[in-house]
C-alpha atoms as a PDB file:
ATOM      1  CA  MET A   1      -0.626 -20.315   0.554  1.00  0.00           C
ATOM      2  CA  THR A   2       1.933 -19.068  -1.914  1.00  0.00           C
ATOM      3  CA  ALA A   3      -0.747 -17.958  -4.328  1.00  0.00           C
ATOM      4  CA  ALA A   4      -2.497 -16.195  -1.466  1.00  0.00           C
ATOM      5  CA  THR A   5       0.524 -14.269  -0.389  1.00  0.00           C
ATOM      6  CA  GLY A   6       1.111 -13.074  -4.069  1.00  0.00           C
ATOM      7  CA  TRP A   7      -2.508 -11.893  -4.350  1.00  0.00           C
ATOM      8  CA  LEU A   8      -2.652 -10.217  -1.021  1.00  0.00           C
ATOM      9  CA  GLY A   9       0.824  -8.397  -1.825  1.00  0.00           C
ATOM     10  CA  ARG A  10      -0.612  -7.171  -5.102  1.00  0.00           C
ATOM     11  CA  ILE A  11      -3.745  -5.927  -3.511  1.00  0.00           C
ATOM     12  CA  ALA A  12      -1.948  -4.304  -0.741  1.00  0.00           C
ATOM     13  CA  GLY A  13       0.419  -2.654  -3.050  1.00  0.00           C
ATOM     14  CA  ILE A  14      -2.188  -1.299  -5.336  1.00  0.00           C
ATOM     15  CA  ALA A  15      -4.426  -0.030  -2.491  1.00  0.00           C
ATOM     16  CA  GLY A  16      -1.212   1.683  -1.007  1.00  0.00           C
ATOM     17  CA  LEU A  17      -0.302   3.192  -4.180  1.00  0.00           C
ATOM     18  CA  LEU A  18      -3.960   4.567  -4.691  1.00  0.00           C
ATOM     19  CA  LEU A  19      -3.988   5.845  -1.184  1.00  0.00           C
ATOM     20  CA  CYS A  20      -0.657   7.627  -1.777  1.00  0.00           C
ATOM     21  CA  ALA A  21      -1.812   9.042  -4.946  1.00  0.00           C
ATOM     22  CA  LEU A  22      -5.227  10.292  -3.412  1.00  0.00           C
ATOM     23  CA  ALA A  23      -3.120  12.115  -0.579  1.00  0.00           C
ATOM     24  CA  VAL A  24      -0.785  13.972  -3.059  1.00  0.00           C
ATOM     25  CA  VAL A  25      -3.951  15.020  -5.064  1.00  0.00           C
ATOM     26  CA  ALA A  26      -5.771  16.197  -2.191  1.00  0.00           C
ATOM     27  CA  ARG A  27      -2.708  18.089  -0.694  1.00  0.00           C
ATOM     28  CA  ILE A  28      -1.979  19.802  -4.236  1.00  0.00           C
ATOM     29  CA  THR A  29      -5.429  20.898  -4.531  1.00  0.00           C
ATOM     30  CA  GLY A  30      -5.236  22.585  -1.047  1.00  0.00           C
ATOM     31  CA  HIS A  31      -7.000  20.145   1.325  1.00  0.00           C
ATOM     32  CA  TYR A  32      -5.367  19.394   4.676  1.00  0.00           C
ATOM     33  CA  THR A  33      -7.969  17.003   5.687  1.00  0.00           C
ATOM     34  CA  LEU A  34     -10.013  14.278   3.614  1.00  0.00           C
ATOM     35  CA  GLY A  35     -12.649  12.224   5.181  1.00  0.00           C
ATOM     36  CA  GLY A  36     -11.867  13.212   8.782  1.00  0.00           C
ATOM     37  CA  PHE A  37      -8.238  12.282   8.276  1.00  0.00           C
ATOM     38  CA  GLN A  38      -5.195  14.501   7.894  1.00  0.00           C
ATOM     39  CA  VAL A  39      -3.640  14.223   4.515  1.00  0.00           C
ATOM     40  CA  GLY A  40      -0.232  13.235   6.026  1.00  0.00           C
ATOM     41  CA  THR A  41      -1.943  10.351   7.854  1.00  0.00           C
ATOM     42  CA  LEU A  42      -3.414   9.021   4.487  1.00  0.00           C
ATOM     43  CA  LEU A  43       0.147   9.359   3.065  1.00  0.00           C
ATOM     44  CA  GLU A  44       1.588   7.327   5.809  1.00  0.00           C
ATOM     45  CA  ALA A  45      -1.118   4.730   5.500  1.00  0.00           C
ATOM     46  CA  GLY A  46      -0.384   4.568   1.827  1.00  0.00           C
ATOM     47  CA  ILE A  47       3.315   4.039   2.432  1.00  0.00           C
ATOM     48  CA  ALA A  48       2.465   1.193   5.001  1.00  0.00           C
ATOM     49  CA  GLY A  49       0.293  -0.527   2.363  1.00  0.00           C
ATOM     50  CA  LEU A  50       3.080  -0.393  -0.162  1.00  0.00           C
ATOM     51  CA  ALA A  51       5.609  -1.703   2.469  1.00  0.00           C
ATOM     52  CA  ALA A  52       3.118  -4.574   3.446  1.00  0.00           C
ATOM     53  CA  GLY A  53       2.640  -5.479  -0.278  1.00  0.00           C
ATOM     54  CA  CYS A  54       6.569  -5.479  -0.915  1.00  0.00           C
ATOM     55  CA  PHE A  55       6.831  -7.819   2.244  1.00  0.00           C
ATOM     56  CA  LEU A  56       4.223 -10.163   1.078  1.00  0.00           C
ATOM     57  CA  LEU A  57       5.487 -10.310  -2.582  1.00  0.00           C
ATOM     58  CA  LEU A  58       9.005 -11.085  -1.256  1.00  0.00           C
ATOM     59  CA  TRP A  59       7.735 -13.632   1.226  1.00  0.00           C
ATOM     60  CA  ASN A  60       5.859 -15.166  -1.776  1.00  0.00           C
ATOM     61  CA  ALA A  61       9.061 -15.255  -3.902  1.00  0.00           C
ATOM     62  CA  GLY A  62      10.981 -16.874  -1.035  1.00  0.00           C
ATOM     63  CA  GLY A  63       8.530 -19.374  -0.423  1.00  0.00           C
ATOM     64  CA  ALA A  64       8.267 -20.510  -4.011  1.00  0.00           C
ATOM     65  CA  ARG A  65      12.162 -21.158  -4.318  1.00  0.00           C
ATOM     66  CA  SER A  66      12.766 -22.945  -1.011  1.00  0.00           C
ATOM     67  CA  PRO A  67      12.575 -26.794  -1.475  1.00  0.00           C
END
């Protein structure tokens, strides 16, 4: 379980970071929508992915140290 939460945290964090970067690049180039979604919504989804990744990695670190 510990290894799974670590990997899920990394995957969620990387996906969130990529989604945030995509939203920023799309907005800088002048697009307000991307794939039918507003760019602000994609940015918020990326932030949620980063937060979920941080939570899972912290949960993983806490579980590894407890007896």
